């Protein structure tokens, strides 16, 4: 497998593209170099000492927790487009994949579908194909896993027009053809 470097920045405005160009020039054909942008990042990590971590991250992120319970602490930095959650690591099994993952926001539904097709081309494991979900936070979303099995959610927020299309049954709606089932 060839090596790849990804430069990722908010909106892919210039920084990641300049880094990509410099790396392509410097490293030539030794590695595959790409850049991309995101509308928003969110992530959650498990920590052994929630109080200590909740004291540590405010100085690093320059913000107080928006919410803090005995199970988690959530930090929001709108100017960085960051939503970061600390989740206590107490040995209990996590039952919902939205609690422990990296989230990358994209601009709109078409951008999400484009990421889905790029993931297929790259050979990335797709945990859940591009779809619209209504329960919890209504989103278009795509769930991938990295080579280590870590979950990655790619999503755009729904527009007002898309929210108005919500069905009474609130069942997820696929945005791409249903994946073929293996035998």
Protein backbone atom coordinates (compact mmCIF):
# COMPACT_ATOMS: atom_id res chain seq x y z
CA UNK A 1 0.00 0.00 0.00
CA UNK A 2 1.34 3.45 -0.88
CA UNK A 3 1.68 6.15 1.75
CA UNK A 4 -0.76 9.06 1.78
CA UNK A 5 -0.68 12.47 3.47
CA UNK A 6 -3.94 14.36 4.05
CA UNK A 7 -3.87 18.08 4.90
CA UNK A 8 -7.23 19.05 6.42
CA UNK A 9 -8.39 22.54 7.37
CA UNK A 10 -11.64 24.39 7.89
CA UNK A 11 -13.27 25.15 4.50
CA UNK A 12 -10.16 24.14 2.47
CA UNK A 13 -9.71 27.87 1.81
CA UNK A 14 -5.95 28.04 1.34
CA UNK A 15 -3.80 26.57 4.11
CA UNK A 16 -4.33 22.89 3.30
CA UNK A 17 -4.02 23.57 -0.43
CA UNK A 18 -0.70 25.38 0.04
CA UNK A 19 0.57 22.54 2.25
CA UNK A 20 -0.55 20.03 -0.39
CA UNK A 21 1.33 21.92 -3.13
CA UNK A 22 4.50 22.20 -1.05
CA UNK A 23 4.38 18.50 -0.11
CA UNK A 24 3.79 17.46 -3.74
CA UNK A 25 6.78 19.57 -4.82
CA UNK A 26 9.03 18.33 -2.00
CA UNK A 27 8.04 14.65 -1.93
CA UNK A 28 7.34 14.22 -5.67
CA UNK A 29 6.00 10.72 -6.39
CA UNK A 30 7.03 9.06 -3.10
CA UNK A 31 3.62 9.65 -1.47
CA UNK A 32 0.06 10.48 -2.48
CA UNK A 33 -0.76 13.99 -1.20
CA UNK A 34 -4.30 15.39 -0.94
CA UNK A 35 -6.06 18.25 0.83
CA UNK A 36 -9.62 18.74 1.96
CA UNK A 37 -11.77 21.06 3.99
CA UNK A 38 -14.49 20.74 6.57
CA UNK A 39 -17.35 22.92 7.70
CA UNK A 40 -17.08 21.65 11.28
CA UNK A 41 -15.22 19.10 13.39
CA UNK A 42 -16.45 17.14 16.34
CA UNK A 43 -14.98 14.30 18.23
CA UNK A 44 -15.22 12.44 21.47
CA UNK A 45 -12.59 10.60 23.44
CA UNK A 46 -12.73 8.32 26.44
CA UNK A 47 -10.81 9.45 29.52
CA UNK A 48 -10.00 7.67 32.77
CA UNK A 49 -10.17 10.78 34.97
CA UNK A 50 -13.04 12.97 33.76
CA UNK A 51 -12.56 15.73 36.37
CA UNK A 52 -8.83 16.08 35.57
CA UNK A 53 -9.48 16.09 31.81
CA UNK A 54 -12.31 18.58 32.25
CA UNK A 55 -9.87 20.88 34.06
CA UNK A 56 -7.20 20.37 31.37
CA UNK A 57 -9.20 21.07 28.20
CA UNK A 58 -10.60 24.52 29.10
CA UNK A 59 -7.13 26.09 28.98
CA UNK A 60 -6.27 24.18 25.78
CA UNK A 61 -9.53 25.01 23.98
CA UNK A 62 -9.94 28.40 25.70
CA UNK A 63 -13.53 27.70 26.70
CA UNK A 64 -15.47 26.28 29.64
CA UNK A 65 -17.53 23.12 29.20
CA UNK A 66 -20.95 23.85 27.74
CA UNK A 67 -22.25 20.82 29.61
CA UNK A 68 -20.67 18.64 32.31
CA UNK A 69 -22.21 15.55 33.91
CA UNK A 70 -20.78 12.57 35.77
CA UNK A 71 -20.50 10.76 32.36
CA UNK A 72 -19.23 13.43 29.97
CA UNK A 73 -18.14 17.03 29.39
CA UNK A 74 -18.91 18.87 26.14
CA UNK A 75 -16.88 21.81 24.78
CA UNK A 76 -18.12 24.04 21.94
CA UNK A 77 -15.92 26.56 20.08
CA UNK A 78 -18.07 28.16 17.33
CA UNK A 79 -15.18 30.28 16.02
CA UNK A 80 -13.16 27.06 15.46
CA UNK A 81 -16.26 25.13 14.35
CA UNK A 82 -15.39 22.57 17.00
CA UNK A 83 -17.58 20.32 19.15
CA UNK A 84 -15.47 18.14 21.47
CA UNK A 85 -16.74 15.66 24.08
CA UNK A 86 -14.89 13.86 26.88
CA UNK A 87 -16.58 10.59 27.84
CA UNK A 88 -15.70 8.76 31.05
CA UNK A 89 -13.92 5.46 30.42
CA UNK A 90 -15.38 3.24 33.08
CA UNK A 91 -15.29 -0.14 31.35
CA UNK A 92 -18.96 0.00 30.41
CA UNK A 93 -19.77 -0.94 26.83
CA UNK A 94 -20.82 1.94 24.62
CA UNK A 95 -24.14 1.10 23.04
CA UNK A 96 -24.47 3.97 20.58
CA UNK A 97 -21.88 4.77 17.92
CA UNK A 98 -22.45 8.53 18.16
CA UNK A 99 -20.67 8.68 21.52
CA UNK A 100 -17.15 7.72 20.41
CA UNK A 101 -16.07 8.94 16.99
CA UNK A 102 -14.59 11.68 14.84
CA UNK A 103 -17.12 13.89 13.06
CA UNK A 104 -16.38 15.95 9.96
CA UNK A 105 -18.95 18.45 8.75
CA UNK A 106 -19.32 19.12 5.02
CA UNK A 107 -21.23 21.85 3.19
CA UNK A 108 -24.35 20.08 1.93
CA UNK A 109 -26.08 16.85 0.89
CA UNK A 110 -24.28 16.68 -2.47
CA UNK A 111 -20.90 17.04 -0.73
CA UNK A 112 -21.83 14.08 1.48
CA UNK A 113 -22.77 11.97 -1.56
CA UNK A 114 -19.45 12.95 -3.18
CA UNK A 115 -17.55 11.77 -0.07
CA UNK A 116 -19.47 8.46 -0.23
CA UNK A 117 -18.33 7.87 -3.83
CA UNK A 118 -14.74 8.85 -2.97
CA UNK A 119 -14.83 6.39 -0.04
CA UNK A 120 -16.02 3.63 -2.39
CA UNK A 121 -13.24 4.43 -4.86
CA UNK A 122 -10.61 4.48 -2.11
CA UNK A 123 -11.88 1.18 -0.68
CA UNK A 124 -12.85 2.58 2.73
CA UNK A 125 -15.13 0.43 4.88
CA UNK A 126 -18.59 2.01 4.88
CA UNK A 127 -20.41 1.23 8.11
CA UNK A 128 -23.62 3.05 7.15
CA UNK A 129 -24.18 4.54 3.66
CA UNK A 130 -25.21 8.16 3.07
CA UNK A 131 -28.66 8.69 4.54
CA UNK A 132 -30.88 11.25 6.23
CA UNK A 133 -31.74 10.54 9.85
CA UNK A 134 -34.48 12.32 11.77
CA UNK A 135 -34.23 11.02 15.34
CA UNK A 136 -31.87 12.78 17.72
CA UNK A 137 -30.21 15.54 15.69
CA UNK A 138 -31.65 15.49 12.15
CA UNK A 139 -28.70 15.16 9.76
CA UNK A 140 -27.57 13.73 6.48
CA UNK A 141 -24.78 11.35 7.52
CA UNK A 142 -22.30 8.77 6.32
CA UNK A 143 -20.46 6.46 8.73
CA UNK A 144 -17.02 5.12 7.82
CA UNK A 145 -14.36 3.21 9.74
CA UNK A 146 -10.63 3.79 9.54
CA UNK A 147 -8.16 0.86 9.27
CA UNK A 148 -8.17 0.53 13.10
CA UNK A 149 -11.97 0.36 13.26
CA UNK A 150 -12.46 3.89 14.60
CA UNK A 151 -15.78 5.41 13.57
CA UNK A 152 -15.90 8.54 11.40
CA UNK A 153 -19.14 10.43 10.83
CA UNK A 154 -19.32 12.74 7.79
CA UNK A 155 -22.34 15.04 7.82
CA UNK A 156 -23.90 18.30 6.67
CA UNK A 157 -26.58 20.04 8.72
CA UNK A 158 -30.05 19.94 7.17
CA UNK A 159 -31.40 23.06 5.50
CA UNK A 160 -34.81 24.46 6.49
CA UNK A 161 -36.25 23.06 3.23
CA UNK A 162 -34.82 19.59 4.00
CA UNK A 163 -36.20 19.72 7.55
CA UNK A 164 -39.65 20.46 6.11
CA UNK A 165 -39.50 17.12 4.23
CA UNK A 166 -39.46 15.10 7.48
CA UNK A 167 -41.77 12.08 7.24
CA UNK A 168 -44.18 11.16 10.01
CA UNK A 169 -42.48 7.77 10.60
CA UNK A 170 -39.02 9.41 11.01
CA UNK A 171 -37.33 6.42 9.33
CA UNK A 172 -33.88 7.02 7.80
CA UNK A 173 -33.86 7.81 4.07
CA UNK A 174 -31.00 6.50 1.89
CA UNK A 175 -29.31 9.13 -0.28
CA UNK A 176 -27.47 6.55 -2.40
CA UNK A 177 -28.49 3.12 -3.77
CA UNK A 178 -28.68 0.43 -1.08
CA UNK A 179 -25.36 -1.41 -0.73
CA UNK A 180 -25.12 -4.93 -2.14
CA UNK A 181 -25.25 -7.61 0.53
CA UNK A 182 -22.36 -10.10 0.64
CA UNK A 183 -23.12 -13.82 0.63
